[in-house]
Amino acid sequence: MDMKQAMLERHMVRKYTDKAIPEDIVTKLNDRVRKNNEQFGLSIKLMTNDNTAVPGVIKLILAKGVNNFFIMAGPEGADELCGYCGADLMLYAQTLGLNTWWVGGTFNRKGAQEKSEGAKPVGIIAVGYGQTQGVPHKSKKASDVSTYDGEVPEWFKNGVDAALLAPTALAKQAFTISGKESKVSISCDNGIFTGVDTGLVKYHFELGAGKDNFAWE
């Protein structure tokens, strides 16, 4: 499975089996974490066999079996980069047969902060073998979230379709993507989640559109 196929197949999964992630896959995930940290100056960490990701009440109501997770952390103001790299990690995990869940508001913030050694955690990503493969989230139409000045090229259409597959906080999809010739811009307004959502959507748009076809404004 490549990253584009993973983008189509990845859905939010909140409940996991107790199957451990094999060591060779853990190594691959840590290698991916290291590359993202080095390229973008972040402090992402993969925690395995650790059940402290979400508070007890969330485990009772929403989640189950979350024993492995990425802590998405970096310097102050790195929310967008954490979202961008989080999208990369979720899709990469999907190519390895794993499931994921981005948790932006209901994670154990104090515990994540302690494990981040001074970096700022903006969320976590649960990762493991889901009890199900999840279901597609309710989605807006491309015309609801995008505009293009002139005849819309195929790469732009593909990018917007991919962006609509990105997870966003509270499933609001509160973004607008605008294009003109080979220039593309994105605006997002989802409160405290704006930066992360922007990064998540940007990564998906790039994957769908192809980086060589446009430049961000």
C-alpha atoms as a PDB file:
ATOM      1  CA  MET A   1       0.000   0.000   0.000  1.00  0.00           C
ATOM      2  CA  ASP A   2       1.382   3.423  -0.928  1.00  0.00           C
ATOM      3  CA  MET A   3       0.635   6.724   0.819  1.00  0.00           C
ATOM      4  CA  LYS A   4      -2.150   7.688  -1.577  1.00  0.00           C
ATOM      5  CA  GLN A   5      -3.950   4.405  -1.024  1.00  0.00           C
ATOM      6  CA  ALA A   6      -3.416   4.809   2.708  1.00  0.00           C
ATOM      7  CA  MET A   7      -5.079   8.217   2.503  1.00  0.00           C
ATOM      8  CA  LEU A   8      -8.194   6.583   1.053  1.00  0.00           C
ATOM      9  CA  GLU A   9      -8.250   3.744   3.582  1.00  0.00           C
ATOM     10  CA  ARG A  10      -7.329   5.571   6.794  1.00  0.00           C
ATOM     11  CA  HIS A  11     -10.237   6.407   9.102  1.00  0.00           C
ATOM     12  CA  MET A  12     -10.396   7.372  12.746  1.00  0.00           C
ATOM     13  CA  VAL A  13     -10.223   4.332  15.047  1.00  0.00           C
ATOM     14  CA  ARG A  14     -10.730   4.804  18.782  1.00  0.00           C
ATOM     15  CA  LYS A  15     -10.794   1.188  19.967  1.00  0.00           C
ATOM     16  CA  TYR A  16      -7.820  -1.150  19.657  1.00  0.00           C
ATOM     17  CA  THR A  17      -7.023  -4.788  20.221  1.00  0.00           C
ATOM     18  CA  ASP A  18      -4.334  -5.861  22.683  1.00  0.00           C
ATOM     19  CA  LYS A  19      -2.072  -7.053  19.843  1.00  0.00           C
ATOM     20  CA  ALA A  20       1.405  -5.610  20.309  1.00  0.00           C
ATOM     21  CA  ILE A  21       3.116  -3.747  17.491  1.00  0.00           C
ATOM     22  CA  PRO A  22       6.022  -5.961  16.306  1.00  0.00           C
ATOM     23  CA  GLU A  23       9.517  -4.657  16.963  1.00  0.00           C
ATOM     24  CA  ASP A  24      10.387  -4.335  13.278  1.00  0.00           C
ATOM     25  CA  ILE A  25       7.375  -2.071  12.727  1.00  0.00           C
ATOM     26  CA  VAL A  26       8.190  -0.067  15.862  1.00  0.00           C
ATOM     27  CA  THR A  27      11.656   0.479  14.387  1.00  0.00           C
ATOM     28  CA  LYS A  28      10.154   1.722  11.112  1.00  0.00           C
ATOM     29  CA  LEU A  29       7.849   4.094  12.969  1.00  0.00           C
ATOM     30  CA  ASN A  30      10.720   5.463  15.060  1.00  0.00           C
ATOM     31  CA  ASP A  31      12.786   5.976  11.912  1.00  0.00           C
ATOM     32  CA  ARG A  32       9.911   7.985  10.422  1.00  0.00           C
ATOM     33  CA  VAL A  33       9.624  10.007  13.639  1.00  0.00           C
ATOM     34  CA  ARG A  34      13.346  10.761  13.561  1.00  0.00           C
ATOM     35  CA  LYS A  35      13.199  11.967   9.951  1.00  0.00           C
ATOM     36  CA  ASN A  36      10.297  14.286  10.707  1.00  0.00           C
ATOM     37  CA  ASN A  37      11.993  15.655  13.813  1.00  0.00           C
ATOM     38  CA  GLU A  38      15.241  16.296  11.976  1.00  0.00           C
ATOM     39  CA  GLN A  39      13.600  17.912   8.964  1.00  0.00           C
ATOM     40  CA  PHE A  40      11.173  20.150  10.844  1.00  0.00           C
ATOM     41  CA  GLY A  41      12.822  20.735  14.218  1.00  0.00           C
ATOM     42  CA  LEU A  42      10.166  18.921  16.231  1.00  0.00           C
ATOM     43  CA  SER A  43      10.222  16.685  19.312  1.00  0.00           C
ATOM     44  CA  ILE A  44       7.757  13.940  18.341  1.00  0.00           C
ATOM     45  CA  LYS A  45       7.975  10.746  20.388  1.00  0.00           C
ATOM     46  CA  LEU A  46       6.525   7.280  19.937  1.00  0.00           C
ATOM     47  CA  MET A  47       5.392   5.671  23.191  1.00  0.00           C
ATOM     48  CA  THR A  48       4.713   1.933  23.150  1.00  0.00           C
ATOM     49  CA  ASN A  49       3.112  -0.282  25.798  1.00  0.00           C
ATOM     50  CA  ASP A  50       1.954   2.872  27.592  1.00  0.00           C
ATOM     51  CA  ASN A  51      -1.703   3.264  28.563  1.00  0.00           C
ATOM     52  CA  THR A  52      -1.488   6.855  29.829  1.00  0.00           C
ATOM     53  CA  ALA A  53      -2.476   8.546  26.545  1.00  0.00           C
ATOM     54  CA  VAL A  54      -6.035   9.472  27.456  1.00  0.00           C
ATOM     55  CA  PRO A  55      -7.797  10.105  30.792  1.00  0.00           C
ATOM     56  CA  GLY A  56      -9.783   7.312  32.406  1.00  0.00           C
ATOM     57  CA  VAL A  57     -13.158   8.861  31.639  1.00  0.00           C
ATOM     58  CA  ILE A  58     -12.321   8.956  27.923  1.00  0.00           C
ATOM     59  CA  LYS A  59     -11.333   5.282  28.053  1.00  0.00           C
ATOM     60  CA  LEU A  60     -14.719   4.477  29.507  1.00  0.00           C
ATOM     61  CA  ILE A  61     -16.744   6.571  27.060  1.00  0.00           C
ATOM     62  CA  LEU A  62     -14.848   6.720  23.770  1.00  0.00           C
ATOM     63  CA  ALA A  63     -11.608   4.803  23.621  1.00  0.00           C
ATOM     64  CA  LYS A  64     -10.289   1.366  24.427  1.00  0.00           C
ATOM     65  CA  GLY A  65      -6.904  -0.308  24.250  1.00  0.00           C
ATOM     66  CA  VAL A  66      -4.866   2.817  23.433  1.00  0.00           C
ATOM     67  CA  ASN A  67      -1.460   1.497  24.476  1.00  0.00           C
ATOM     68  CA  ASN A  68       0.725   3.057  21.778  1.00  0.00           C
ATOM     69  CA  PHE A  69       0.800   6.674  20.704  1.00  0.00           C
ATOM     70  CA  PHE A  70       2.831   9.454  19.162  1.00  0.00           C
ATOM     71  CA  ILE A  71       3.258  12.622  21.197  1.00  0.00           C
ATOM     72  CA  MET A  72       3.115  15.482  18.710  1.00  0.00           C
ATOM     73  CA  ALA A  73       5.336  18.130  20.228  1.00  0.00           C
ATOM     74  CA  GLY A  74       7.708  20.879  19.215  1.00  0.00           C
ATOM     75  CA  PRO A  75       8.727  24.431  20.056  1.00  0.00           C
ATOM     76  CA  GLU A  76       6.155  27.130  20.724  1.00  0.00           C
ATOM     77  CA  GLY A  77       4.295  28.010  17.532  1.00  0.00           C
ATOM     78  CA  ALA A  78       4.917  24.671  15.792  1.00  0.00           C
ATOM     79  CA  ASP A  79       1.266  23.611  15.685  1.00  0.00           C
ATOM     80  CA  GLU A  80       1.068  23.611  11.895  1.00  0.00           C
ATOM     81  CA  LEU A  81       4.269  21.586  11.543  1.00  0.00           C
ATOM     82  CA  CYS A  82       2.984  19.074  14.100  1.00  0.00           C
ATOM     83  CA  GLY A  83      -0.211  18.712  12.086  1.00  0.00           C
ATOM     84  CA  TYR A  84       1.749  18.289   8.860  1.00  0.00           C
ATOM     85  CA  CYS A  85       4.043  15.639  10.322  1.00  0.00           C
ATOM     86  CA  GLY A  86       1.141  13.991  12.099  1.00  0.00           C
ATOM     87  CA  ALA A  87      -0.550  13.433   8.740  1.00  0.00           C
ATOM     88  CA  ASP A  88       2.649  11.856   7.460  1.00  0.00           C
ATOM     89  CA  LEU A  89       2.887   9.515  10.444  1.00  0.00           C
ATOM     90  CA  MET A  90      -0.761   8.474  10.315  1.00  0.00           C
ATOM     91  CA  LEU A  91      -0.629   7.595   6.630  1.00  0.00           C
ATOM     92  CA  TYR A  92       2.723   5.864   6.992  1.00  0.00           C
ATOM     93  CA  ALA A  93       1.312   3.801   9.877  1.00  0.00           C
ATOM     94  CA  GLN A  94      -1.621   2.866   7.648  1.00  0.00           C
ATOM     95  CA  THR A  95       0.786   1.521   5.007  1.00  0.00           C
ATOM     96  CA  LEU A  96       2.176  -0.763   7.728  1.00  0.00           C
ATOM     97  CA  GLY A  97      -1.257  -2.206   8.532  1.00  0.00           C
ATOM     98  CA  LEU A  98      -1.918  -0.028  11.588  1.00  0.00           C
ATOM     99  CA  ASN A  99      -4.802   2.237  12.532  1.00  0.00           C
ATOM    100  CA  THR A 100      -4.683   5.706  14.056  1.00  0.00           C
ATOM    101  CA  TRP A 101      -6.651   8.414  15.839  1.00  0.00           C
ATOM    102  CA  TRP A 102      -5.579  12.045  16.137  1.00  0.00           C
ATOM    103  CA  VAL A 103      -6.488  13.294  19.618  1.00  0.00           C
ATOM    104  CA  GLY A 104      -6.268  17.067  19.950  1.00  0.00           C
ATOM    105  CA  GLY A 105      -8.316  17.908  22.999  1.00  0.00           C
ATOM    106  CA  THR A 106      -8.961  14.884  25.210  1.00  0.00           C
ATOM    107  CA  PHE A 107      -5.456  13.536  25.738  1.00  0.00           C
ATOM    108  CA  ASN A 108      -3.460  13.416  28.968  1.00  0.00           C
ATOM    109  CA  ARG A 109      -1.825  16.804  28.499  1.00  0.00           C
ATOM    110  CA  LYS A 110       0.126  16.757  31.764  1.00  0.00           C
ATOM    111  CA  GLY A 111       1.591  13.327  31.052  1.00  0.00           C
ATOM    112  CA  ALA A 112       2.444  14.279  27.465  1.00  0.00           C
ATOM    113  CA  GLN A 113       4.129  17.434  28.702  1.00  0.00           C
ATOM    114  CA  GLU A 114       6.282  15.491  31.165  1.00  0.00           C
ATOM    115  CA  LYS A 115       7.369  13.068  28.439  1.00  0.00           C
ATOM    116  CA  SER A 116       8.122  15.906  25.982  1.00  0.00           C
ATOM    117  CA  GLU A 117      11.040  17.247  28.021  1.00  0.00           C
ATOM    118  CA  GLY A 118      10.334  20.935  27.532  1.00  0.00           C
ATOM    119  CA  ALA A 119       8.666  20.796  24.121  1.00  0.00           C
ATOM    120  CA  LYS A 120       5.008  21.762  23.726  1.00  0.00           C
ATOM    121  CA  PRO A 121       2.596  18.875  22.960  1.00  0.00           C
ATOM    122  CA  VAL A 122      -0.307  19.877  20.721  1.00  0.00           C
ATOM    123  CA  GLY A 123      -1.926  16.449  20.527  1.00  0.00           C
ATOM    124  CA  ILE A 124      -1.299  12.736  20.371  1.00  0.00           C
ATOM    125  CA  ILE A 125      -1.908  10.086  17.745  1.00  0.00           C
ATOM    126  CA  ALA A 126      -3.125   6.727  18.995  1.00  0.00           C
ATOM    127  CA  VAL A 127      -1.657   3.925  16.885  1.00  0.00           C
ATOM    128  CA  GLY A 128      -2.168   0.173  16.868  1.00  0.00           C
ATOM    129  CA  TYR A 129      -4.374  -2.590  15.547  1.00  0.00           C
ATOM    130  CA  GLY A 130      -7.948  -1.386  15.530  1.00  0.00           C
ATOM    131  CA  GLN A 131     -10.940  -3.472  16.512  1.00  0.00           C
ATOM    132  CA  THR A 132     -12.392  -2.131  13.242  1.00  0.00           C
ATOM    133  CA  GLN A 133     -11.021  -0.186  10.293  1.00  0.00           C
ATOM    134  CA  GLY A 134     -13.231   2.796  11.073  1.00  0.00           C
ATOM    135  CA  VAL A 135     -15.672   4.526   8.734  1.00  0.00           C
ATOM    136  CA  PRO A 136     -15.349   7.584   6.465  1.00  0.00           C
ATOM    137  CA  HIS A 137     -16.072  10.862   8.226  1.00  0.00           C
ATOM    138  CA  LYS A 138     -18.909  13.104   7.103  1.00  0.00           C
ATOM    139  CA  SER A 139     -17.461  15.432   4.501  1.00  0.00           C
ATOM    140  CA  LYS A 140     -18.208  18.726   2.848  1.00  0.00           C
ATOM    141  CA  LYS A 141     -18.185  19.073  -0.929  1.00  0.00           C
ATOM    142  CA  ALA A 142     -15.152  20.373  -2.807  1.00  0.00           C
ATOM    143  CA  SER A 143     -17.147  23.477  -3.769  1.00  0.00           C
ATOM    144  CA  ASP A 144     -17.715  24.214  -0.063  1.00  0.00           C
ATOM    145  CA  VAL A 145     -14.015  24.482   0.739  1.00  0.00           C
ATOM    146  CA  SER A 146     -12.269  25.634  -2.428  1.00  0.00           C
ATOM    147  CA  THR A 147     -12.133  28.314  -5.106  1.00  0.00           C
ATOM    148  CA  TYR A 148      -9.984  28.604  -8.213  1.00  0.00           C
ATOM    149  CA  ASP A 149      -9.507  31.634 -10.442  1.00  0.00           C
ATOM    150  CA  GLY A 150     -10.152  30.292 -13.944  1.00  0.00           C
ATOM    151  CA  GLU A 151     -10.538  26.802 -15.317  1.00  0.00           C
ATOM    152  CA  VAL A 152      -9.802  24.346 -12.525  1.00  0.00           C
ATOM    153  CA  PRO A 153      -6.840  22.075 -13.322  1.00  0.00           C
ATOM    154  CA  GLU A 154      -6.998  18.372 -12.506  1.00  0.00           C
ATOM    155  CA  TRP A 155      -4.186  18.596  -9.966  1.00  0.00           C
ATOM    156  CA  PHE A 156      -6.143  21.197  -7.975  1.00  0.00           C
ATOM    157  CA  LYS A 157      -9.273  19.030  -7.973  1.00  0.00           C
ATOM    158  CA  ASN A 158      -7.217  16.057  -6.803  1.00  0.00           C
ATOM    159  CA  GLY A 159      -5.630  18.143  -4.072  1.00  0.00           C
ATOM    160  CA  VAL A 160      -8.957  19.367  -2.724  1.00  0.00           C
ATOM    161  CA  ASP A 161     -10.399  15.848  -2.761  1.00  0.00           C
ATOM    162  CA  ALA A 162      -7.372  14.688  -0.771  1.00  0.00           C
ATOM    163  CA  ALA A 163      -7.681  17.610   1.653  1.00  0.00           C
ATOM    164  CA  LEU A 164     -11.256  16.565   2.413  1.00  0.00           C
ATOM    165  CA  LEU A 165      -9.897  13.212   3.606  1.00  0.00           C
ATOM    166  CA  ALA A 166      -7.749  14.889   6.275  1.00  0.00           C
ATOM    167  CA  PRO A 167      -8.871  14.638   9.886  1.00  0.00           C
ATOM    168  CA  THR A 168      -9.801  18.011  11.387  1.00  0.00           C
ATOM    169  CA  ALA A 169     -10.763  18.929  14.931  1.00  0.00           C
ATOM    170  CA  LEU A 170     -14.412  18.217  15.657  1.00  0.00           C
ATOM    171  CA  ALA A 171     -14.698  17.219  11.968  1.00  0.00           C
ATOM    172  CA  LYS A 172     -15.409  20.878  11.132  1.00  0.00           C
ATOM    173  CA  GLN A 173     -13.339  21.067   7.921  1.00  0.00           C
ATOM    174  CA  ALA A 174     -13.119  24.798   8.619  1.00  0.00           C
ATOM    175  CA  PHE A 175     -10.672  25.516   5.818  1.00  0.00           C
ATOM    176  CA  THR A 176     -10.732  27.186   2.425  1.00  0.00           C
ATOM    177  CA  ILE A 177      -8.247  26.423  -0.322  1.00  0.00           C
ATOM    178  CA  SER A 178      -7.792  29.032  -3.059  1.00  0.00           C
ATOM    179  CA  GLY A 179      -5.865  28.660  -6.306  1.00  0.00           C
ATOM    180  CA  LYS A 180      -4.724  30.809  -9.196  1.00  0.00           C
ATOM    181  CA  GLU A 181      -2.433  29.452 -11.893  1.00  0.00           C
ATOM    182  CA  SER A 182       0.176  27.446  -9.953  1.00  0.00           C
ATOM    183  CA  LYS A 183      -0.256  29.320  -6.657  1.00  0.00           C
ATOM    184  CA  VAL A 184      -2.329  27.908  -3.808  1.00  0.00           C
ATOM    185  CA  SER A 185      -3.242  29.360  -0.422  1.00  0.00           C
ATOM    186  CA  ILE A 186      -5.132  27.961   2.530  1.00  0.00           C
ATOM    187  CA  SER A 187      -7.008  29.691   5.305  1.00  0.00           C
ATOM    188  CA  CYS A 188      -8.405  27.908   8.331  1.00  0.00           C
ATOM    189  CA  ASP A 189     -10.439  29.085  11.296  1.00  0.00           C
ATOM    190  CA  ASN A 190     -11.023  26.410  13.914  1.00  0.00           C
ATOM    191  CA  GLY A 191     -10.052  28.208  17.109  1.00  0.00           C
ATOM    192  CA  ILE A 192      -7.173  26.680  19.058  1.00  0.00           C
ATOM    193  CA  PHE A 193      -6.968  23.867  16.494  1.00  0.00           C
ATOM    194  CA  THR A 194      -6.369  26.149  13.488  1.00  0.00           C
ATOM    195  CA  GLY A 195      -2.618  25.546  13.247  1.00  0.00           C
ATOM    196  CA  VAL A 196      -2.820  21.767  13.527  1.00  0.00           C
ATOM    197  CA  ASP A 197      -5.742  21.558  11.110  1.00  0.00           C
ATOM    198  CA  THR A 198      -3.847  23.669   8.580  1.00  0.00           C
ATOM    199  CA  GLY A 199      -0.874  21.311   8.705  1.00  0.00           C
ATOM    200  CA  LEU A 200      -3.032  18.204   8.373  1.00  0.00           C
ATOM    201  CA  VAL A 201      -4.887  19.632   5.370  1.00  0.00           C
ATOM    202  CA  LYS A 202      -1.712  20.918   3.684  1.00  0.00           C
ATOM    203  CA  TYR A 203      -0.092  17.499   3.789  1.00  0.00           C
ATOM    204  CA  HIS A 204      -3.130  15.846   2.267  1.00  0.00           C
ATOM    205  CA  PHE A 205      -3.457  18.494  -0.436  1.00  0.00           C
ATOM    206  CA  GLU A 206       0.197  18.085  -1.403  1.00  0.00           C
ATOM    207  CA  LEU A 207      -0.173  14.315  -1.601  1.00  0.00           C
ATOM    208  CA  GLY A 208      -3.235  14.577  -3.818  1.00  0.00           C
ATOM    209  CA  ALA A 209      -2.107  17.449  -6.034  1.00  0.00           C
ATOM    210  CA  GLY A 210       1.570  16.579  -6.349  1.00  0.00           C
ATOM    211  CA  LYS A 211       4.154  19.003  -4.963  1.00  0.00           C
ATOM    212  CA  ASP A 212       5.601  19.695  -8.419  1.00  0.00           C
ATOM    213  CA  ASN A 213       2.330  21.149  -9.712  1.00  0.00           C
ATOM    214  CA  PHE A 214       2.010  24.171  -7.418  1.00  0.00           C
ATOM    215  CA  ALA A 215       3.568  26.421  -4.769  1.00  0.00           C
ATOM    216  CA  TRP A 216       2.039  27.601  -1.506  1.00  0.00           C
ATOM    217  CA  GLU A 217       1.454  31.306  -1.101  1.00  0.00           C
END
